Amino acid sequence: MTPESVCAYLRAHPDFFQKHPDVLGEMTISHVSDGAVSLVERQVAVLRERNAELRRRLDKLVANAEQNEALLTATQEVIAAIADRGPKEEAATLFCDLVRKHFDVELVTFIWCHSEEASEALSIAEHLLGNKNASSGPLRSHEFQTLFNDGNNEGSAALAKLTTRSGHEAVIAVGSNDAARYGMGDGTLFLEYLAKVIASLPIQQPSD
């Protein structure tokens, strides 16, 4: 007889103590305080702990849902504004202004891949993206400074690339001076969605 076999038997016969209540009189179960407590009391304590954990998980799910709803609303507002003003205003400037306003982000950039002026920033963006359409994570000092033209020594960012209907390619990115704000495990779903929708709109691009 081993502790494991006893546990297995009790799990297979959950009504054991109900059928043999006299056994409880000879048992002691450790608790936060000294002395013996009833099995029912211990079970209630375990259930309370589980309920507290479930409540924490539920609160986290609700918070995530509220955050996603806010992100979706901001995304829709940016898309609507670009669709309305995109043909009249240069896309890069318009995008940056709208994202700062609706997403309340610290830093944002829009880089046309054919822009010679942004060649260094584009090179860094392509290195960070690799063969992926989107990426996020902390940046090294020179990467952060070049990508966002920011003097801060550290930070993090999320990036996504897009291709317009006319075939022009660009990279969009949002950044933060907090190196942990955009982690490597963070999702880039909304940024990718925003990139895809922008790419489908009749936006104005700088002349080649």
N, C-alpha and C. Protein backbone atom coordinates (compact mmCIF):
# COMPACT_ATOMS: atom_id res chain seq x y z
N MET A 1 0.85 -1.19 0.00
CA MET A 1 0.00 0.00 0.00
C MET A 1 0.89 1.25 0.00
N THR A 2 0.62 2.14 -0.96
CA THR A 2 1.40 3.38 -1.06
C THR A 2 0.44 4.56 -1.02
N PRO A 3 0.95 5.78 -0.72
CA PRO A 3 0.09 6.97 -0.76
C PRO A 3 -0.60 7.16 -2.10
N GLU A 4 0.12 6.79 -3.17
CA GLU A 4 -0.46 6.94 -4.50
C GLU A 4 -1.66 6.02 -4.70
N SER A 5 -1.53 4.78 -4.21
CA SER A 5 -2.63 3.83 -4.38
C SER A 5 -3.83 4.24 -3.53
N VAL A 6 -3.57 4.80 -2.34
CA VAL A 6 -4.66 5.29 -1.50
C VAL A 6 -5.39 6.43 -2.20
N CYS A 7 -4.62 7.37 -2.77
CA CYS A 7 -5.22 8.50 -3.49
C CYS A 7 -6.04 8.01 -4.67
N ALA A 8 -5.50 7.03 -5.40
CA ALA A 8 -6.21 6.48 -6.55
C ALA A 8 -7.53 5.84 -6.13
N TYR A 9 -7.50 5.11 -5.00
CA TYR A 9 -8.71 4.46 -4.52
C TYR A 9 -9.77 5.49 -4.12
N LEU A 10 -9.33 6.53 -3.38
CA LEU A 10 -10.28 7.54 -2.93
C LEU A 10 -10.88 8.31 -4.10
N ARG A 11 -10.07 8.56 -5.13
CA ARG A 11 -10.61 9.23 -6.31
C ARG A 11 -11.63 8.35 -7.02
N ALA A 12 -11.40 7.05 -6.99
CA ALA A 12 -12.33 6.11 -7.63
C ALA A 12 -13.58 5.89 -6.80
N HIS A 13 -13.49 6.20 -5.50
CA HIS A 13 -14.63 6.04 -4.59
C HIS A 13 -14.83 7.34 -3.80
N PRO A 14 -15.34 8.38 -4.45
CA PRO A 14 -15.48 9.69 -3.78
C PRO A 14 -16.45 9.70 -2.60
N ASP A 15 -17.29 8.66 -2.49
CA ASP A 15 -18.25 8.61 -1.38
C ASP A 15 -17.75 7.74 -0.24
N PHE A 16 -16.45 7.43 -0.25
CA PHE A 16 -15.89 6.53 0.77
C PHE A 16 -16.14 7.04 2.18
N PHE A 17 -15.82 8.30 2.45
CA PHE A 17 -15.98 8.83 3.81
C PHE A 17 -17.44 8.98 4.20
N GLN A 18 -18.33 9.10 3.20
CA GLN A 18 -19.75 9.17 3.50
C GLN A 18 -20.25 7.80 3.97
N LYS A 19 -19.68 6.77 3.38
CA LYS A 19 -20.08 5.41 3.75
C LYS A 19 -19.36 4.93 5.02
N HIS A 20 -18.21 5.54 5.31
CA HIS A 20 -17.42 5.14 6.47
C HIS A 20 -17.06 6.37 7.31
N PRO A 21 -18.05 7.02 7.90
CA PRO A 21 -17.79 8.24 8.66
C PRO A 21 -16.93 8.01 9.89
N ASP A 22 -16.91 6.76 10.40
CA ASP A 22 -16.11 6.47 11.60
C ASP A 22 -14.61 6.65 11.33
N VAL A 23 -14.20 6.53 10.05
CA VAL A 23 -12.78 6.68 9.73
C VAL A 23 -12.32 8.11 9.99
N LEU A 24 -13.24 9.08 9.74
CA LEU A 24 -12.87 10.48 9.93
C LEU A 24 -12.48 10.77 11.37
N GLY A 25 -13.06 10.04 12.30
CA GLY A 25 -12.75 10.26 13.70
C GLY A 25 -11.33 9.89 14.07
N GLU A 26 -10.71 9.11 13.22
CA GLU A 26 -9.35 8.66 13.50
C GLU A 26 -8.31 9.37 12.63
N MET A 27 -8.77 10.36 11.87
CA MET A 27 -7.86 11.05 10.95
C MET A 27 -7.57 12.47 11.42
N THR A 28 -6.39 12.94 11.09
CA THR A 28 -6.05 14.35 11.29
C THR A 28 -5.59 14.90 9.94
N ILE A 29 -6.03 16.11 9.62
CA ILE A 29 -5.69 16.74 8.34
C ILE A 29 -5.05 18.08 8.65
N SER A 30 -3.87 18.30 8.12
CA SER A 30 -3.15 19.54 8.39
C SER A 30 -3.93 20.74 7.89
N HIS A 31 -3.77 21.84 8.61
CA HIS A 31 -4.49 23.07 8.26
C HIS A 31 -3.58 24.23 8.60
N VAL A 32 -4.05 25.46 8.33
CA VAL A 32 -3.23 26.63 8.64
C VAL A 32 -2.99 26.78 10.14
N SER A 33 -3.89 26.23 10.95
CA SER A 33 -3.73 26.30 12.40
C SER A 33 -3.39 24.90 12.92
N ASP A 34 -2.93 24.85 14.18
CA ASP A 34 -2.56 23.57 14.76
C ASP A 34 -3.81 22.74 15.04
N GLY A 35 -3.62 21.44 15.11
CA GLY A 35 -4.71 20.56 15.46
C GLY A 35 -5.39 19.97 14.25
N ALA A 36 -6.43 19.15 14.51
CA ALA A 36 -7.15 18.47 13.44
C ALA A 36 -8.39 19.26 13.04
N VAL A 37 -8.75 19.13 11.76
CA VAL A 37 -9.97 19.76 11.27
C VAL A 37 -10.76 18.73 10.51
N SER A 38 -12.02 18.99 10.30
CA SER A 38 -12.85 18.04 9.57
C SER A 38 -12.49 18.05 8.10
N LEU A 39 -12.75 16.94 7.44
CA LEU A 39 -12.49 16.84 6.01
C LEU A 39 -13.36 17.83 5.24
N VAL A 40 -14.59 18.05 5.72
CA VAL A 40 -15.48 19.00 5.07
C VAL A 40 -14.89 20.40 5.10
N GLU A 41 -14.32 20.78 6.27
CA GLU A 41 -13.72 22.11 6.39
C GLU A 41 -12.54 22.27 5.43
N ARG A 42 -11.74 21.20 5.37
CA ARG A 42 -10.59 21.25 4.45
C ARG A 42 -11.06 21.33 3.00
N GLN A 43 -12.10 20.59 2.67
CA GLN A 43 -12.62 20.60 1.30
C GLN A 43 -13.18 21.98 0.96
N VAL A 44 -13.86 22.60 1.91
CA VAL A 44 -14.39 23.94 1.69
C VAL A 44 -13.25 24.93 1.43
N ALA A 45 -12.15 24.78 2.19
CA ALA A 45 -11.01 25.67 2.00
C ALA A 45 -10.42 25.51 0.60
N VAL A 46 -10.33 24.24 0.15
CA VAL A 46 -9.80 23.98 -1.20
C VAL A 46 -10.72 24.59 -2.26
N LEU A 47 -12.01 24.42 -2.09
CA LEU A 47 -12.97 24.97 -3.04
C LEU A 47 -12.91 26.50 -3.08
N ARG A 48 -12.70 27.11 -1.92
CA ARG A 48 -12.57 28.56 -1.88
C ARG A 48 -11.34 29.02 -2.65
N GLU A 49 -10.24 28.28 -2.47
CA GLU A 49 -9.02 28.63 -3.20
C GLU A 49 -9.24 28.50 -4.70
N ARG A 50 -9.92 27.43 -5.10
CA ARG A 50 -10.19 27.24 -6.53
C ARG A 50 -11.12 28.33 -7.07
N ASN A 51 -12.11 28.68 -6.29
CA ASN A 51 -13.03 29.74 -6.72
C ASN A 51 -12.31 31.08 -6.84
N ALA A 52 -11.38 31.34 -5.92
CA ALA A 52 -10.61 32.59 -5.98
C ALA A 52 -9.75 32.61 -7.24
N GLU A 53 -9.15 31.46 -7.58
CA GLU A 53 -8.33 31.37 -8.79
C GLU A 53 -9.20 31.55 -10.04
N LEU A 54 -10.38 30.93 -10.05
CA LEU A 54 -11.29 31.09 -11.18
C LEU A 54 -11.74 32.54 -11.31
N ARG A 55 -11.97 33.21 -10.19
CA ARG A 55 -12.35 34.61 -10.21
C ARG A 55 -11.24 35.47 -10.79
N ARG A 56 -9.99 35.17 -10.40
CA ARG A 56 -8.85 35.91 -10.96
C ARG A 56 -8.76 35.70 -12.47
N ARG A 57 -8.96 34.47 -12.91
CA ARG A 57 -8.91 34.18 -14.35
C ARG A 57 -10.04 34.90 -15.09
N LEU A 58 -11.23 34.89 -14.49
CA LEU A 58 -12.37 35.56 -15.12
C LEU A 58 -12.13 37.06 -15.21
N ASP A 59 -11.60 37.64 -14.13
CA ASP A 59 -11.30 39.08 -14.15
C ASP A 59 -10.29 39.41 -15.24
N LYS A 60 -9.31 38.52 -15.42
CA LYS A 60 -8.30 38.74 -16.46
C LYS A 60 -8.93 38.65 -17.84
N LEU A 61 -9.82 37.68 -18.04
CA LEU A 61 -10.50 37.54 -19.32
C LEU A 61 -11.37 38.76 -19.63
N VAL A 62 -12.06 39.26 -18.61
CA VAL A 62 -12.90 40.45 -18.79
C VAL A 62 -12.04 41.65 -19.14
N ALA A 63 -10.91 41.80 -18.43
CA ALA A 63 -10.01 42.92 -18.71
C ALA A 63 -9.47 42.83 -20.13
N ASN A 64 -9.10 41.62 -20.57
CA ASN A 64 -8.60 41.44 -21.93
C ASN A 64 -9.67 41.74 -22.95
N ALA A 65 -10.91 41.32 -22.65
CA ALA A 65 -12.02 41.60 -23.57
C ALA A 65 -12.27 43.09 -23.70
N GLU A 66 -12.22 43.80 -22.57
CA GLU A 66 -12.42 45.25 -22.60
C GLU A 66 -11.30 45.94 -23.37
N GLN A 67 -10.06 45.45 -23.18
CA GLN A 67 -8.92 46.02 -23.90
C GLN A 67 -9.05 45.77 -25.40
N ASN A 68 -9.46 44.56 -25.77
CA ASN A 68 -9.63 44.24 -27.19
C ASN A 68 -10.76 45.05 -27.81
N GLU A 69 -11.82 45.29 -27.05
CA GLU A 69 -12.92 46.10 -27.56
C GLU A 69 -12.46 47.54 -27.81
N ALA A 70 -11.64 48.07 -26.89
CA ALA A 70 -11.11 49.42 -27.06
C ALA A 70 -10.19 49.49 -28.27
N LEU A 71 -9.35 48.45 -28.45
CA LEU A 71 -8.45 48.41 -29.60
C LEU A 71 -9.23 48.32 -30.91
N LEU A 72 -10.29 47.51 -30.91
CA LEU A 72 -11.11 47.38 -32.12
C LEU A 72 -11.78 48.69 -32.47
N THR A 73 -12.30 49.38 -31.45
CA THR A 73 -12.94 50.68 -31.70
C THR A 73 -11.94 51.68 -32.26
N ALA A 74 -10.75 51.74 -31.68
CA ALA A 74 -9.71 52.65 -32.17
C ALA A 74 -9.31 52.29 -33.59
N THR A 75 -9.18 50.99 -33.87
CA THR A 75 -8.82 50.54 -35.22
C THR A 75 -9.87 50.97 -36.24
N GLN A 76 -11.13 50.80 -35.89
CA GLN A 76 -12.21 51.19 -36.80
C GLN A 76 -12.21 52.70 -37.06
N GLU A 77 -11.93 53.48 -36.01
CA GLU A 77 -11.90 54.94 -36.18
C GLU A 77 -10.74 55.37 -37.08
N VAL A 78 -9.58 54.74 -36.92
CA VAL A 78 -8.43 55.06 -37.77
C VAL A 78 -8.72 54.68 -39.22
N ILE A 79 -9.28 53.51 -39.43
CA ILE A 79 -9.59 53.05 -40.79
C ILE A 79 -10.59 53.97 -41.46
N ALA A 80 -11.64 54.36 -40.71
CA ALA A 80 -12.66 55.25 -41.27
C ALA A 80 -12.06 56.59 -41.66
N ALA A 81 -11.17 57.12 -40.83
CA ALA A 81 -10.55 58.41 -41.11
C ALA A 81 -9.62 58.33 -42.32
N ILE A 82 -8.86 57.23 -42.42
CA ILE A 82 -7.96 57.07 -43.56
C ILE A 82 -8.75 56.88 -44.85
N ALA A 83 -9.84 56.14 -44.77
CA ALA A 83 -10.68 55.93 -45.95
C ALA A 83 -11.27 57.25 -46.44
N ASP A 84 -11.58 58.14 -45.49
CA ASP A 84 -12.19 59.43 -45.84
C ASP A 84 -11.17 60.44 -46.32
N ARG A 85 -9.99 60.47 -45.68
CA ARG A 85 -9.00 61.50 -45.98
C ARG A 85 -7.78 61.00 -46.74
N GLY A 86 -7.64 59.65 -46.83
CA GLY A 86 -6.47 59.07 -47.47
C GLY A 86 -6.18 59.57 -48.87
N PRO A 87 -7.18 59.70 -49.74
CA PRO A 87 -6.90 60.18 -51.10
C PRO A 87 -6.43 61.63 -51.14
N LYS A 88 -6.62 62.38 -50.05
CA LYS A 88 -6.30 63.81 -50.05
C LYS A 88 -5.00 64.11 -49.29
N GLU A 89 -4.64 63.27 -48.34
CA GLU A 89 -3.47 63.53 -47.51
C GLU A 89 -2.45 62.38 -47.64
N GLU A 90 -1.18 62.72 -47.53
CA GLU A 90 -0.13 61.71 -47.64
C GLU A 90 -0.30 60.69 -46.51
N ALA A 91 -0.26 59.41 -46.86
CA ALA A 91 -0.63 58.34 -45.95
C ALA A 91 0.24 58.28 -44.70
N ALA A 92 1.55 58.46 -44.83
CA ALA A 92 2.44 58.32 -43.69
C ALA A 92 2.12 59.32 -42.59
N THR A 93 1.99 60.58 -42.97
CA THR A 93 1.67 61.62 -41.98
C THR A 93 0.30 61.40 -41.38
N LEU A 94 -0.67 61.07 -42.22
CA LEU A 94 -2.03 60.85 -41.76
C LEU A 94 -2.08 59.67 -40.79
N PHE A 95 -1.42 58.59 -41.13
CA PHE A 95 -1.42 57.40 -40.27
C PHE A 95 -0.84 57.72 -38.90
N CYS A 96 0.30 58.36 -38.88
CA CYS A 96 0.96 58.67 -37.60
C CYS A 96 0.10 59.58 -36.73
N ASP A 97 -0.52 60.58 -37.33
CA ASP A 97 -1.37 61.50 -36.57
C ASP A 97 -2.57 60.76 -35.97
N LEU A 98 -3.20 59.91 -36.77
CA LEU A 98 -4.40 59.21 -36.32
C LEU A 98 -4.09 58.17 -35.24
N VAL A 99 -2.99 57.45 -35.40
CA VAL A 99 -2.64 56.42 -34.42
C VAL A 99 -2.29 57.06 -33.07
N ARG A 100 -1.56 58.16 -33.11
CA ARG A 100 -1.24 58.86 -31.85
C ARG A 100 -2.52 59.29 -31.14
N LYS A 101 -3.48 59.77 -31.92
CA LYS A 101 -4.72 60.28 -31.34
C LYS A 101 -5.61 59.17 -30.79
N HIS A 102 -5.83 58.13 -31.58
CA HIS A 102 -6.81 57.11 -31.21
C HIS A 102 -6.26 55.98 -30.36
N PHE A 103 -4.97 55.68 -30.49
CA PHE A 103 -4.40 54.58 -29.71
C PHE A 103 -3.60 55.06 -28.50
N ASP A 104 -3.37 56.37 -28.43
CA ASP A 104 -2.63 56.94 -27.29
C ASP A 104 -1.28 56.23 -27.11
N VAL A 105 -0.53 56.10 -28.21
CA VAL A 105 0.79 55.49 -28.15
C VAL A 105 1.86 56.58 -28.08
N GLU A 106 3.00 56.23 -27.53
CA GLU A 106 4.09 57.21 -27.39
C GLU A 106 4.73 57.54 -28.73
N LEU A 107 5.04 56.50 -29.50
CA LEU A 107 5.79 56.68 -30.74
C LEU A 107 5.15 55.88 -31.86
N VAL A 108 5.18 56.43 -33.06
CA VAL A 108 4.63 55.74 -34.22
C VAL A 108 5.41 56.16 -35.46
N THR A 109 5.56 55.24 -36.38
CA THR A 109 6.27 55.57 -37.61
C THR A 109 5.66 54.82 -38.79
N PHE A 110 5.79 55.41 -39.97
CA PHE A 110 5.30 54.82 -41.23
C PHE A 110 6.44 55.01 -42.22
N ILE A 111 7.00 53.91 -42.71
CA ILE A 111 8.19 53.98 -43.57
C ILE A 111 7.87 53.39 -44.94
N TRP A 112 7.95 54.22 -45.97
CA TRP A 112 7.80 53.71 -47.34
C TRP A 112 9.09 52.99 -47.72
N CYS A 113 8.96 51.80 -48.29
CA CYS A 113 10.14 51.00 -48.60
C CYS A 113 10.97 51.58 -49.76
N HIS A 114 10.40 52.50 -50.54
CA HIS A 114 11.17 53.10 -51.65
C HIS A 114 11.76 54.45 -51.25
N SER A 115 11.66 54.81 -49.96
CA SER A 115 12.16 56.10 -49.51
C SER A 115 13.66 56.01 -49.20
N GLU A 116 14.46 56.77 -49.92
CA GLU A 116 15.90 56.79 -49.68
C GLU A 116 16.23 57.46 -48.36
N GLU A 117 15.41 58.43 -47.96
CA GLU A 117 15.67 59.16 -46.72
C GLU A 117 15.55 58.25 -45.49
N ALA A 118 14.74 57.22 -45.60
CA ALA A 118 14.52 56.33 -44.45
C ALA A 118 15.20 54.98 -44.65
N SER A 119 16.24 54.92 -45.45
CA SER A 119 16.88 53.65 -45.78
C SER A 119 17.43 52.93 -44.54
N GLU A 120 18.03 53.69 -43.60
CA GLU A 120 18.59 53.06 -42.41
C GLU A 120 17.49 52.51 -41.51
N ALA A 121 16.43 53.29 -41.32
CA ALA A 121 15.30 52.83 -40.51
C ALA A 121 14.63 51.63 -41.16
N LEU A 122 14.54 51.66 -42.50
CA LEU A 122 13.94 50.54 -43.21
C LEU A 122 14.78 49.28 -43.05
N SER A 123 16.08 49.42 -43.09
CA SER A 123 16.97 48.28 -42.93
C SER A 123 16.78 47.64 -41.57
N ILE A 124 16.65 48.45 -40.54
CA ILE A 124 16.43 47.94 -39.19
C ILE A 124 15.07 47.26 -39.09
N ALA A 125 14.05 47.88 -39.67
CA ALA A 125 12.71 47.30 -39.64
C ALA A 125 12.68 45.94 -40.33
N GLU A 126 13.33 45.83 -41.47
CA GLU A 126 13.35 44.56 -42.20
C GLU A 126 14.11 43.50 -41.41
N HIS A 127 15.17 43.92 -40.70
CA HIS A 127 15.93 42.98 -39.87
C HIS A 127 15.05 42.47 -38.72
N LEU A 128 14.28 43.36 -38.10
CA LEU A 128 13.43 42.98 -36.98
C LEU A 128 12.28 42.07 -37.42
N LEU A 129 11.75 42.32 -38.62
CA LEU A 129 10.65 41.52 -39.13
C LEU A 129 11.11 40.17 -39.65
N GLY A 130 12.30 40.13 -40.24
CA GLY A 130 12.75 38.88 -40.82
C GLY A 130 11.84 38.44 -41.95
N ASN A 131 11.38 37.21 -41.89
CA ASN A 131 10.45 36.71 -42.91
C ASN A 131 9.00 36.73 -42.45
N LYS A 132 8.73 37.49 -41.37
CA LYS A 132 7.38 37.57 -40.83
C LYS A 132 6.69 38.86 -41.27
N ASN A 133 5.37 38.85 -41.23
CA ASN A 133 4.60 40.05 -41.59
C ASN A 133 4.50 41.01 -40.41
N ALA A 134 4.71 40.51 -39.21
CA ALA A 134 4.63 41.36 -38.02
C ALA A 134 5.52 40.80 -36.93
N SER A 135 5.96 41.68 -36.04
CA SER A 135 6.84 41.26 -34.96
C SER A 135 6.77 42.28 -33.83
N SER A 136 7.15 41.86 -32.63
CA SER A 136 7.19 42.78 -31.49
C SER A 136 8.27 42.34 -30.53
N GLY A 137 8.76 43.28 -29.71
CA GLY A 137 9.78 42.96 -28.73
C GLY A 137 10.64 44.15 -28.38
N PRO A 138 11.56 43.99 -27.43
CA PRO A 138 12.46 45.07 -27.04
C PRO A 138 13.48 45.34 -28.15
N LEU A 139 13.94 46.60 -28.23
CA LEU A 139 14.91 47.00 -29.24
C LEU A 139 16.20 47.45 -28.59
N ARG A 140 17.29 47.27 -29.31
CA ARG A 140 18.56 47.82 -28.87
C ARG A 140 18.55 49.33 -29.07
N SER A 141 19.44 50.01 -28.38
CA SER A 141 19.44 51.46 -28.36
C SER A 141 19.45 52.08 -29.75
N HIS A 142 20.38 51.65 -30.63
CA HIS A 142 20.47 52.27 -31.95
C HIS A 142 19.28 51.92 -32.82
N GLU A 143 18.69 50.72 -32.61
CA GLU A 143 17.50 50.34 -33.37
C GLU A 143 16.33 51.24 -33.01
N PHE A 144 16.16 51.44 -31.71
CA PHE A 144 15.05 52.26 -31.23
C PHE A 144 15.19 53.71 -31.70
N GLN A 145 16.39 54.25 -31.55
CA GLN A 145 16.63 55.65 -31.92
C GLN A 145 16.44 55.88 -33.42
N THR A 146 16.92 54.95 -34.23
CA THR A 146 16.82 55.11 -35.68
C THR A 146 15.40 54.91 -36.17
N LEU A 147 14.71 53.91 -35.63
CA LEU A 147 13.36 53.60 -36.09
C LEU A 147 12.37 54.71 -35.78
N PHE A 148 12.50 55.30 -34.59
CA PHE A 148 11.53 56.31 -34.17
C PHE A 148 12.12 57.72 -34.08
N ASN A 149 13.39 57.85 -34.45
CA ASN A 149 14.06 59.15 -34.36
C ASN A 149 13.91 59.71 -32.94
N ASP A 150 14.16 58.84 -31.97
CA ASP A 150 13.96 59.18 -30.56
C ASP A 150 15.28 59.02 -29.83
N GLY A 151 15.59 59.93 -28.93
CA GLY A 151 16.86 59.91 -28.24
C GLY A 151 16.93 58.98 -27.05
N ASN A 152 15.82 58.31 -26.74
CA ASN A 152 15.84 57.41 -25.58
C ASN A 152 16.78 56.24 -25.83
N ASN A 153 17.41 55.75 -24.77
CA ASN A 153 18.40 54.70 -24.92
C ASN A 153 17.80 53.30 -25.04
N GLU A 154 16.55 53.16 -24.71
CA GLU A 154 15.94 51.83 -24.81
C GLU A 154 14.46 51.96 -25.07
N GLY A 155 13.85 50.86 -25.45
CA GLY A 155 12.42 50.85 -25.72
C GLY A 155 12.00 49.54 -26.35
N SER A 156 10.75 49.47 -26.74
CA SER A 156 10.22 48.28 -27.40
C SER A 156 9.25 48.73 -28.49
N ALA A 157 8.93 47.81 -29.39
CA ALA A 157 8.08 48.19 -30.52
C ALA A 157 7.34 46.98 -31.08
N ALA A 158 6.28 47.28 -31.82
CA ALA A 158 5.56 46.28 -32.61
C ALA A 158 5.52 46.79 -34.04
N LEU A 159 5.82 45.92 -35.00
CA LEU A 159 5.93 46.32 -36.40
C LEU A 159 5.09 45.41 -37.29
N ALA A 160 4.68 45.95 -38.43
CA ALA A 160 3.97 45.16 -39.44
C ALA A 160 4.25 45.77 -40.80
N LYS A 161 4.26 44.94 -41.82
CA LYS A 161 4.49 45.45 -43.17
C LYS A 161 3.23 45.32 -44.01
N LEU A 162 3.13 46.17 -45.02
CA LEU A 162 1.96 46.17 -45.88
C LEU A 162 2.38 46.43 -47.32
N THR A 163 1.51 46.03 -48.24
CA THR A 163 1.70 46.29 -49.67
C THR A 163 0.42 46.90 -50.21
N THR A 164 0.50 48.10 -50.76
CA THR A 164 -0.68 48.80 -51.25
C THR A 164 -1.18 48.18 -52.55
N ARG A 165 -2.35 48.62 -52.98
CA ARG A 165 -2.93 48.09 -54.21
C ARG A 165 -2.08 48.42 -55.42
N SER A 166 -1.31 49.51 -55.33
CA SER A 166 -0.45 49.90 -56.45
C SER A 166 0.91 49.21 -56.40
N GLY A 167 1.12 48.37 -55.37
CA GLY A 167 2.36 47.62 -55.28
C GLY A 167 3.42 48.23 -54.41
N HIS A 168 3.17 49.41 -53.86
CA HIS A 168 4.15 50.04 -52.97
C HIS A 168 4.15 49.32 -51.62
N GLU A 169 5.34 49.13 -51.06
CA GLU A 169 5.47 48.47 -49.77
C GLU A 169 5.85 49.47 -48.69
N ALA A 170 5.41 49.18 -47.45
CA ALA A 170 5.70 50.07 -46.32
C ALA A 170 5.74 49.27 -45.04
N VAL A 171 6.32 49.87 -44.02
CA VAL A 171 6.36 49.27 -42.68
C VAL A 171 5.74 50.25 -41.71
N ILE A 172 4.84 49.78 -40.87
CA ILE A 172 4.26 50.62 -39.83
C ILE A 172 4.72 50.07 -38.48
N ALA A 173 4.91 50.97 -37.51
CA ALA A 173 5.39 50.53 -36.20
C ALA A 173 4.90 51.47 -35.10
N VAL A 174 4.65 50.89 -33.94
CA VAL A 174 4.33 51.67 -32.74
C VAL A 174 5.38 51.31 -31.69
N GLY A 175 5.77 52.30 -30.90
CA GLY A 175 6.84 52.06 -29.93
C GLY A 175 6.58 52.69 -28.59
N SER A 176 7.38 52.27 -27.62
CA SER A 176 7.27 52.79 -26.26
C SER A 176 8.66 52.89 -25.64
N ASN A 177 8.86 53.89 -24.79
CA ASN A 177 10.11 54.02 -24.06
C ASN A 177 10.25 52.94 -22.98
N ASP A 178 9.16 52.23 -22.72
CA ASP A 178 9.18 51.11 -21.78
C ASP A 178 9.63 49.87 -22.54
N ALA A 179 10.78 49.32 -22.17
CA ALA A 179 11.33 48.17 -22.88
C ALA A 179 10.47 46.92 -22.75
N ALA A 180 9.55 46.91 -21.78
CA ALA A 180 8.69 45.75 -21.58
C ALA A 180 7.29 45.95 -22.13
N ARG A 181 7.01 47.13 -22.71
CA ARG A 181 5.65 47.42 -23.18
C ARG A 181 5.23 46.48 -24.31
N TYR A 182 6.09 46.26 -25.28
CA TYR A 182 5.78 45.34 -26.38
C TYR A 182 6.75 44.15 -26.29
N GLY A 183 6.29 43.08 -25.65
CA GLY A 183 7.13 41.92 -25.47
C GLY A 183 7.13 41.01 -26.68
N MET A 184 8.06 40.06 -26.70
CA MET A 184 8.16 39.15 -27.83
C MET A 184 6.95 38.23 -27.93
N GLY A 185 6.29 38.01 -26.81
CA GLY A 185 5.13 37.14 -26.83
C GLY A 185 3.82 37.88 -27.05
N ASP A 186 3.87 39.19 -27.15
CA ASP A 186 2.65 39.97 -27.34
C ASP A 186 2.08 39.75 -28.73
N GLY A 187 0.76 39.77 -28.81
CA GLY A 187 0.12 39.62 -30.11
C GLY A 187 0.19 40.90 -30.93
N THR A 188 0.23 40.74 -32.25
CA THR A 188 0.25 41.88 -33.17
C THR A 188 -0.98 41.85 -34.06
N LEU A 189 -2.05 41.19 -33.57
CA LEU A 189 -3.24 40.98 -34.38
C LEU A 189 -3.82 42.28 -34.92
N PHE A 190 -4.01 43.27 -34.03
CA PHE A 190 -4.65 44.52 -34.46
C PHE A 190 -3.76 45.31 -35.40
N LEU A 191 -2.45 45.29 -35.16
CA LEU A 191 -1.54 46.02 -36.04
C LEU A 191 -1.52 45.37 -37.42
N GLU A 192 -1.53 44.04 -37.48
CA GLU A 192 -1.57 43.36 -38.77
C GLU A 192 -2.88 43.65 -39.49
N TYR A 193 -3.97 43.65 -38.73
CA TYR A 193 -5.28 43.94 -39.32
C TYR A 193 -5.31 45.36 -39.88
N LEU A 194 -4.77 46.29 -39.12
CA LEU A 194 -4.71 47.68 -39.56
C LEU A 194 -3.88 47.81 -40.83
N ALA A 195 -2.75 47.09 -40.89
CA ALA A 195 -1.89 47.13 -42.07
C ALA A 195 -2.62 46.60 -43.30
N LYS A 196 -3.35 45.51 -43.14
CA LYS A 196 -4.06 44.91 -44.27
C LYS A 196 -5.15 45.83 -44.81
N VAL A 197 -5.88 46.46 -43.88
CA VAL A 197 -6.97 47.34 -44.31
C VAL A 197 -6.41 48.59 -44.98
N ILE A 198 -5.37 49.17 -44.40
CA ILE A 198 -4.75 50.37 -44.99
C ILE A 198 -4.25 50.05 -46.39
N ALA A 199 -3.67 48.87 -46.57
CA ALA A 199 -3.15 48.48 -47.87
C ALA A 199 -4.25 48.40 -48.93
N SER A 200 -5.48 48.15 -48.50
CA SER A 200 -6.59 48.01 -49.45
C SER A 200 -7.27 49.34 -49.78
N LEU A 201 -6.89 50.41 -49.05
CA LEU A 201 -7.54 51.70 -49.25
C LEU A 201 -6.84 52.53 -50.32
N PRO A 202 -7.56 53.46 -50.95
CA PRO A 202 -6.95 54.34 -51.97
C PRO A 202 -6.18 55.47 -51.31
N ILE A 203 -5.01 55.16 -50.75
CA ILE A 203 -4.25 56.16 -50.00
C ILE A 203 -3.27 56.88 -50.92
N GLN A 204 -2.92 58.09 -50.52
CA GLN A 204 -1.98 58.89 -51.30
C GLN A 204 -0.55 58.55 -50.89
N GLN A 205 0.32 58.36 -51.86
CA GLN A 205 1.70 58.00 -51.60
C GLN A 205 2.63 59.07 -52.17
N PRO A 206 3.82 59.18 -51.59
CA PRO A 206 4.77 60.16 -52.11
C PRO A 206 5.24 59.77 -53.50
N SER A 207 5.55 60.72 -54.33
CA SER A 207 6.00 60.43 -55.69
C SER A 207 7.34 59.76 -55.65
N ASP A 208 7.57 58.84 -56.57
CA ASP A 208 8.85 58.12 -56.64
C ASP A 208 9.97 59.05 -57.02
